[in-house]
């Protein structure tokens, strides 16, 4: 695989994550789930003006991006963060950051010469 197709593949893999995290409510839900404990819809809506129905819709978007998963405990549905998916997105951002830093270094050297 060429470096260009590897970059495109990485972008394709990361895009759904960034799209899902591009909403303030979904980003707040991910933040709440970062505590490591599975949380119910009731727990996720507590202290927020967001309805349970809206939170459920947002969780389904996050689930579609592979960021959260749910499980049943009795009548309750618990939601949990899928940290590996966030790690993949972080690694992609680090790759972009490194390429940007390299480009700035090349520019600095060019200007200094």
N, C-alpha and C. Protein backbone atom coordinates (compact mmCIF):
# COMPACT_ATOMS: atom_id res chain seq x y z
N UNK A 1 0.85 -1.17 0.00
CA UNK A 1 0.00 0.00 0.00
C UNK A 1 0.90 1.24 0.00
N UNK A 2 0.60 2.17 -0.88
CA UNK A 2 1.39 3.39 -0.97
C UNK A 2 1.08 4.29 0.23
N UNK A 3 2.00 5.23 0.56
CA UNK A 3 1.73 6.14 1.68
C UNK A 3 0.45 6.94 1.48
N UNK A 4 0.17 7.32 0.23
CA UNK A 4 -1.04 8.09 -0.04
C UNK A 4 -2.29 7.25 0.22
N UNK A 5 -2.31 5.99 -0.25
CA UNK A 5 -3.50 5.17 0.00
C UNK A 5 -3.62 4.80 1.47
N UNK A 6 -2.49 4.70 2.17
CA UNK A 6 -2.55 4.46 3.61
C UNK A 6 -3.18 5.65 4.32
N UNK A 7 -2.84 6.86 3.89
CA UNK A 7 -3.42 8.08 4.49
C UNK A 7 -4.92 8.13 4.21
N UNK A 8 -5.31 7.80 2.97
CA UNK A 8 -6.73 7.82 2.63
C UNK A 8 -7.50 6.78 3.44
N UNK A 9 -6.89 5.61 3.62
CA UNK A 9 -7.52 4.57 4.41
C UNK A 9 -7.68 5.03 5.86
N UNK A 10 -6.63 5.66 6.40
CA UNK A 10 -6.70 6.17 7.77
C UNK A 10 -7.78 7.23 7.91
N UNK A 11 -7.89 8.09 6.92
CA UNK A 11 -8.92 9.14 6.95
C UNK A 11 -10.31 8.53 6.88
N UNK A 12 -10.49 7.51 6.03
CA UNK A 12 -11.79 6.85 5.94
C UNK A 12 -12.18 6.20 7.25
N UNK A 13 -11.20 5.59 7.93
CA UNK A 13 -11.48 4.94 9.20
C UNK A 13 -11.80 5.95 10.30
N UNK A 14 -11.10 7.08 10.29
CA UNK A 14 -11.25 8.07 11.36
C UNK A 14 -12.44 9.00 11.15
N UNK A 15 -12.86 9.20 9.91
CA UNK A 15 -13.91 10.18 9.62
C UNK A 15 -15.20 9.97 10.40
N UNK A 16 -15.73 8.74 10.52
CA UNK A 16 -16.97 8.58 11.29
C UNK A 16 -16.81 8.98 12.76
N UNK A 17 -15.63 8.75 13.31
CA UNK A 17 -15.38 9.13 14.70
C UNK A 17 -15.43 10.65 14.84
N UNK A 18 -14.71 11.35 13.96
CA UNK A 18 -14.69 12.80 14.04
C UNK A 18 -16.07 13.40 13.75
N UNK A 19 -16.80 12.78 12.85
CA UNK A 19 -18.15 13.25 12.56
C UNK A 19 -19.04 13.10 13.80
N UNK A 20 -18.96 11.95 14.44
CA UNK A 20 -19.78 11.71 15.64
C UNK A 20 -19.39 12.65 16.77
N UNK A 21 -18.11 12.95 16.89
CA UNK A 21 -17.64 13.82 17.97
C UNK A 21 -17.84 15.30 17.66
N UNK A 22 -18.30 15.60 16.44
CA UNK A 22 -18.49 16.98 16.04
C UNK A 22 -19.73 17.64 16.63
N UNK A 23 -20.46 16.95 17.43
CA UNK A 23 -21.66 17.48 18.08
C UNK A 23 -21.38 17.64 19.57
N UNK A 24 -21.72 18.79 20.12
CA UNK A 24 -21.41 19.09 21.52
C UNK A 24 -22.08 18.10 22.49
N UNK A 25 -23.31 17.71 22.20
CA UNK A 25 -24.00 16.76 23.09
C UNK A 25 -23.30 15.41 23.07
N UNK A 26 -22.95 14.93 21.88
CA UNK A 26 -22.26 13.64 21.79
C UNK A 26 -20.88 13.69 22.45
N UNK A 27 -20.20 14.79 22.26
CA UNK A 27 -18.89 14.95 22.90
C UNK A 27 -19.04 14.93 24.41
N UNK A 28 -20.08 15.56 24.94
CA UNK A 28 -20.34 15.55 26.38
C UNK A 28 -20.67 14.14 26.87
N UNK A 29 -21.41 13.38 26.06
CA UNK A 29 -21.71 12.00 26.44
C UNK A 29 -20.44 11.15 26.51
N UNK A 30 -19.56 11.31 25.53
CA UNK A 30 -18.28 10.59 25.56
C UNK A 30 -17.50 10.98 26.79
N UNK A 31 -17.50 12.26 27.12
CA UNK A 31 -16.79 12.73 28.31
C UNK A 31 -17.35 12.06 29.57
N UNK A 32 -18.66 11.97 29.66
CA UNK A 32 -19.27 11.33 30.84
C UNK A 32 -18.94 9.84 30.90
N UNK A 33 -18.82 9.21 29.74
CA UNK A 33 -18.52 7.78 29.70
C UNK A 33 -17.03 7.49 29.91
N UNK A 34 -16.21 8.51 29.90
CA UNK A 34 -14.77 8.32 30.10
C UNK A 34 -14.44 7.86 31.52
N UNK A 35 -15.39 7.92 32.41
CA UNK A 35 -15.16 7.47 33.79
C UNK A 35 -14.92 5.98 33.89
N UNK A 36 -15.24 5.26 32.83
CA UNK A 36 -14.98 3.82 32.81
C UNK A 36 -16.13 2.95 33.23
N UNK A 37 -17.11 3.51 33.89
CA UNK A 37 -18.27 2.73 34.34
C UNK A 37 -19.38 2.80 33.30
N UNK A 38 -20.03 1.69 33.01
CA UNK A 38 -21.21 1.74 32.13
C UNK A 38 -22.30 2.57 32.80
N UNK A 39 -22.98 3.38 32.00
CA UNK A 39 -24.02 4.26 32.54
C UNK A 39 -25.33 4.05 31.80
N UNK A 40 -26.41 4.20 32.53
CA UNK A 40 -27.75 4.08 31.93
C UNK A 40 -28.14 5.43 31.32
N UNK A 41 -29.21 5.41 30.55
CA UNK A 41 -29.74 6.64 29.96
C UNK A 41 -30.09 7.62 31.08
N UNK A 42 -30.69 7.12 32.16
CA UNK A 42 -31.05 7.99 33.29
C UNK A 42 -29.82 8.66 33.87
N UNK A 43 -28.75 7.90 34.03
CA UNK A 43 -27.52 8.48 34.57
C UNK A 43 -26.91 9.48 33.60
N UNK A 44 -27.01 9.21 32.31
CA UNK A 44 -26.43 10.10 31.32
C UNK A 44 -27.22 11.39 31.15
N UNK A 45 -28.51 11.36 31.46
CA UNK A 45 -29.32 12.57 31.32
C UNK A 45 -29.41 13.36 32.62
N UNK A 46 -29.04 12.75 33.72
CA UNK A 46 -29.15 13.44 35.02
C UNK A 46 -28.36 14.75 35.00
N UNK A 47 -29.04 15.81 35.42
CA UNK A 47 -28.39 17.11 35.53
C UNK A 47 -28.20 17.83 34.19
N UNK A 48 -28.82 17.32 33.14
CA UNK A 48 -28.72 17.98 31.83
C UNK A 48 -30.11 18.32 31.33
N UNK A 49 -30.20 19.30 30.44
CA UNK A 49 -31.52 19.62 29.87
C UNK A 49 -31.90 18.72 28.69
N UNK A 50 -31.04 17.77 28.35
CA UNK A 50 -31.27 16.90 27.20
C UNK A 50 -32.23 15.77 27.59
N UNK A 51 -33.20 15.50 26.73
CA UNK A 51 -34.17 14.46 27.03
C UNK A 51 -33.56 13.07 26.86
N UNK A 52 -34.19 12.11 27.46
CA UNK A 52 -33.74 10.71 27.34
C UNK A 52 -33.80 10.27 25.88
N UNK A 53 -34.84 10.68 25.18
CA UNK A 53 -34.99 10.32 23.77
C UNK A 53 -33.85 10.90 22.94
N UNK A 54 -33.49 12.15 23.19
CA UNK A 54 -32.39 12.78 22.45
C UNK A 54 -31.06 12.09 22.76
N UNK A 55 -30.83 11.78 24.03
CA UNK A 55 -29.60 11.09 24.41
C UNK A 55 -29.52 9.73 23.74
N UNK A 56 -30.64 9.03 23.68
CA UNK A 56 -30.67 7.72 23.02
C UNK A 56 -30.27 7.86 21.55
N UNK A 57 -30.80 8.85 20.86
CA UNK A 57 -30.46 9.07 19.45
C UNK A 57 -28.96 9.37 19.31
N UNK A 58 -28.43 10.21 20.20
CA UNK A 58 -27.00 10.54 20.14
C UNK A 58 -26.14 9.31 20.41
N UNK A 59 -26.58 8.48 21.34
CA UNK A 59 -25.83 7.26 21.64
C UNK A 59 -25.81 6.31 20.45
N UNK A 60 -26.88 6.27 19.70
CA UNK A 60 -26.92 5.41 18.52
C UNK A 60 -25.95 5.92 17.44
N UNK A 61 -25.81 7.23 17.33
CA UNK A 61 -24.82 7.79 16.39
C UNK A 61 -23.41 7.40 16.85
N UNK A 62 -23.14 7.56 18.15
CA UNK A 62 -21.83 7.19 18.70
C UNK A 62 -21.57 5.69 18.51
N UNK A 63 -22.60 4.90 18.68
CA UNK A 63 -22.47 3.46 18.49
C UNK A 63 -22.15 3.13 17.03
N UNK A 64 -22.80 3.81 16.12
CA UNK A 64 -22.54 3.61 14.70
C UNK A 64 -21.11 3.93 14.31
N UNK A 65 -20.49 4.85 15.04
CA UNK A 65 -19.10 5.22 14.79
C UNK A 65 -18.14 4.31 15.56
N UNK A 66 -18.69 3.38 16.34
CA UNK A 66 -17.85 2.46 17.09
C UNK A 66 -17.29 3.02 18.38
N UNK A 67 -17.86 4.13 18.85
CA UNK A 67 -17.34 4.79 20.05
C UNK A 67 -17.95 4.29 21.35
N UNK A 68 -19.15 3.75 21.28
CA UNK A 68 -19.81 3.23 22.47
C UNK A 68 -20.49 1.91 22.12
N UNK A 69 -20.78 1.14 23.15
CA UNK A 69 -21.56 -0.08 22.98
C UNK A 69 -22.51 -0.18 24.16
N UNK A 70 -23.57 -0.92 23.93
CA UNK A 70 -24.56 -1.07 25.00
C UNK A 70 -24.69 -2.53 25.38
N UNK A 71 -25.19 -2.72 26.58
CA UNK A 71 -25.49 -4.06 27.08
C UNK A 71 -26.72 -3.95 27.96
N UNK A 72 -27.38 -5.06 28.14
CA UNK A 72 -28.58 -5.06 28.97
C UNK A 72 -28.27 -5.63 30.34
N UNK A 73 -28.81 -4.97 31.33
CA UNK A 73 -28.76 -5.48 32.70
C UNK A 73 -30.19 -5.37 33.23
N UNK A 74 -30.87 -6.50 33.19
CA UNK A 74 -32.29 -6.48 33.56
C UNK A 74 -33.07 -5.69 32.53
N UNK A 75 -33.85 -4.73 32.99
CA UNK A 75 -34.63 -3.88 32.08
C UNK A 75 -33.83 -2.67 31.62
N UNK A 76 -32.66 -2.51 32.17
CA UNK A 76 -31.85 -1.32 31.89
C UNK A 76 -30.83 -1.59 30.79
N UNK A 77 -30.62 -0.59 29.96
CA UNK A 77 -29.58 -0.65 28.93
C UNK A 77 -28.43 0.24 29.41
N UNK A 78 -27.25 -0.34 29.50
CA UNK A 78 -26.07 0.39 29.95
C UNK A 78 -25.15 0.68 28.77
N UNK A 79 -24.58 1.86 28.78
CA UNK A 79 -23.70 2.30 27.70
C UNK A 79 -22.28 2.44 28.22
N UNK A 80 -21.35 2.06 27.37
CA UNK A 80 -19.94 2.05 27.76
C UNK A 80 -19.09 2.56 26.60
N UNK A 81 -18.03 3.28 26.92
CA UNK A 81 -17.12 3.82 25.93
C UNK A 81 -16.27 2.70 25.32
N UNK A 82 -16.03 2.78 24.04
CA UNK A 82 -15.11 1.88 23.34
C UNK A 82 -13.81 2.64 23.13
N UNK A 83 -12.95 2.61 24.13
CA UNK A 83 -11.71 3.39 24.13
C UNK A 83 -10.79 3.10 22.94
N UNK A 84 -10.68 1.86 22.47
CA UNK A 84 -9.79 1.62 21.33
C UNK A 84 -10.13 2.47 20.10
N UNK A 85 -11.41 2.73 19.91
CA UNK A 85 -11.82 3.54 18.75
C UNK A 85 -11.35 4.99 18.92
N UNK A 86 -11.40 5.49 20.14
CA UNK A 86 -10.86 6.83 20.39
C UNK A 86 -9.35 6.85 20.21
N UNK A 87 -8.68 5.78 20.62
CA UNK A 87 -7.23 5.69 20.44
C UNK A 87 -6.85 5.72 18.97
N UNK A 88 -7.63 5.05 18.12
CA UNK A 88 -7.37 5.08 16.68
C UNK A 88 -7.45 6.51 16.15
N UNK A 89 -8.48 7.24 16.57
CA UNK A 89 -8.64 8.63 16.13
C UNK A 89 -7.49 9.49 16.64
N UNK A 90 -7.08 9.27 17.88
CA UNK A 90 -5.96 10.02 18.45
C UNK A 90 -4.69 9.77 17.65
N UNK A 91 -4.44 8.50 17.30
CA UNK A 91 -3.25 8.17 16.52
C UNK A 91 -3.29 8.85 15.15
N UNK A 92 -4.47 8.90 14.55
CA UNK A 92 -4.60 9.57 13.26
C UNK A 92 -4.27 11.06 13.40
N UNK A 93 -4.77 11.70 14.45
CA UNK A 93 -4.46 13.11 14.68
C UNK A 93 -2.97 13.31 14.94
N UNK A 94 -2.35 12.39 15.65
CA UNK A 94 -0.92 12.49 15.89
C UNK A 94 -0.13 12.39 14.59
N UNK A 95 -0.57 11.53 13.69
CA UNK A 95 0.08 11.40 12.38
C UNK A 95 -0.02 12.71 11.61
N UNK A 96 -1.21 13.29 11.60
CA UNK A 96 -1.40 14.57 10.91
C UNK A 96 -0.53 15.65 11.56
N UNK A 97 -0.51 15.67 12.88
CA UNK A 97 0.29 16.65 13.61
C UNK A 97 1.77 16.52 13.27
N UNK A 98 2.26 15.28 13.21
CA UNK A 98 3.67 15.04 12.87
C UNK A 98 3.97 15.53 11.46
N UNK A 99 3.09 15.22 10.53
CA UNK A 99 3.30 15.68 9.15
C UNK A 99 3.30 17.21 9.08
N UNK A 100 2.42 17.84 9.85
CA UNK A 100 2.36 19.30 9.88
C UNK A 100 3.66 19.86 10.47
N UNK A 101 4.13 19.28 11.56
CA UNK A 101 5.39 19.72 12.17
C UNK A 101 6.55 19.56 11.20
N UNK A 102 6.58 18.44 10.46
CA UNK A 102 7.64 18.22 9.46
C UNK A 102 7.59 19.27 8.37
N UNK A 103 6.40 19.60 7.92
CA UNK A 103 6.25 20.63 6.88
C UNK A 103 6.72 21.99 7.39
N UNK A 104 6.38 22.31 8.63
CA UNK A 104 6.84 23.58 9.20
C UNK A 104 8.35 23.61 9.36
N UNK A 105 8.95 22.48 9.73
CA UNK A 105 10.41 22.40 9.82
C UNK A 105 11.05 22.63 8.46
N UNK A 106 10.50 22.01 7.42
CA UNK A 106 11.04 22.21 6.07
C UNK A 106 10.92 23.67 5.66
N UNK A 107 9.80 24.29 5.97
CA UNK A 107 9.60 25.70 5.65
C UNK A 107 10.59 26.57 6.40
N UNK A 108 10.78 26.28 7.69
CA UNK A 108 11.74 27.06 8.50
C UNK A 108 13.14 26.95 7.91
N UNK A 109 13.55 25.74 7.56
CA UNK A 109 14.88 25.54 6.97
C UNK A 109 15.01 26.27 5.64
N UNK A 110 13.95 26.22 4.83
CA UNK A 110 13.98 26.90 3.54
C UNK A 110 14.14 28.40 3.74
N UNK A 111 13.39 28.97 4.67
CA UNK A 111 13.44 30.41 4.92
C UNK A 111 14.80 30.81 5.49
N UNK A 112 15.36 29.97 6.35
CA UNK A 112 16.64 30.30 6.97
C UNK A 112 17.80 30.19 5.99
N UNK A 113 17.67 29.37 4.94
CA UNK A 113 18.76 29.18 3.97
C UNK A 113 18.81 30.25 2.96
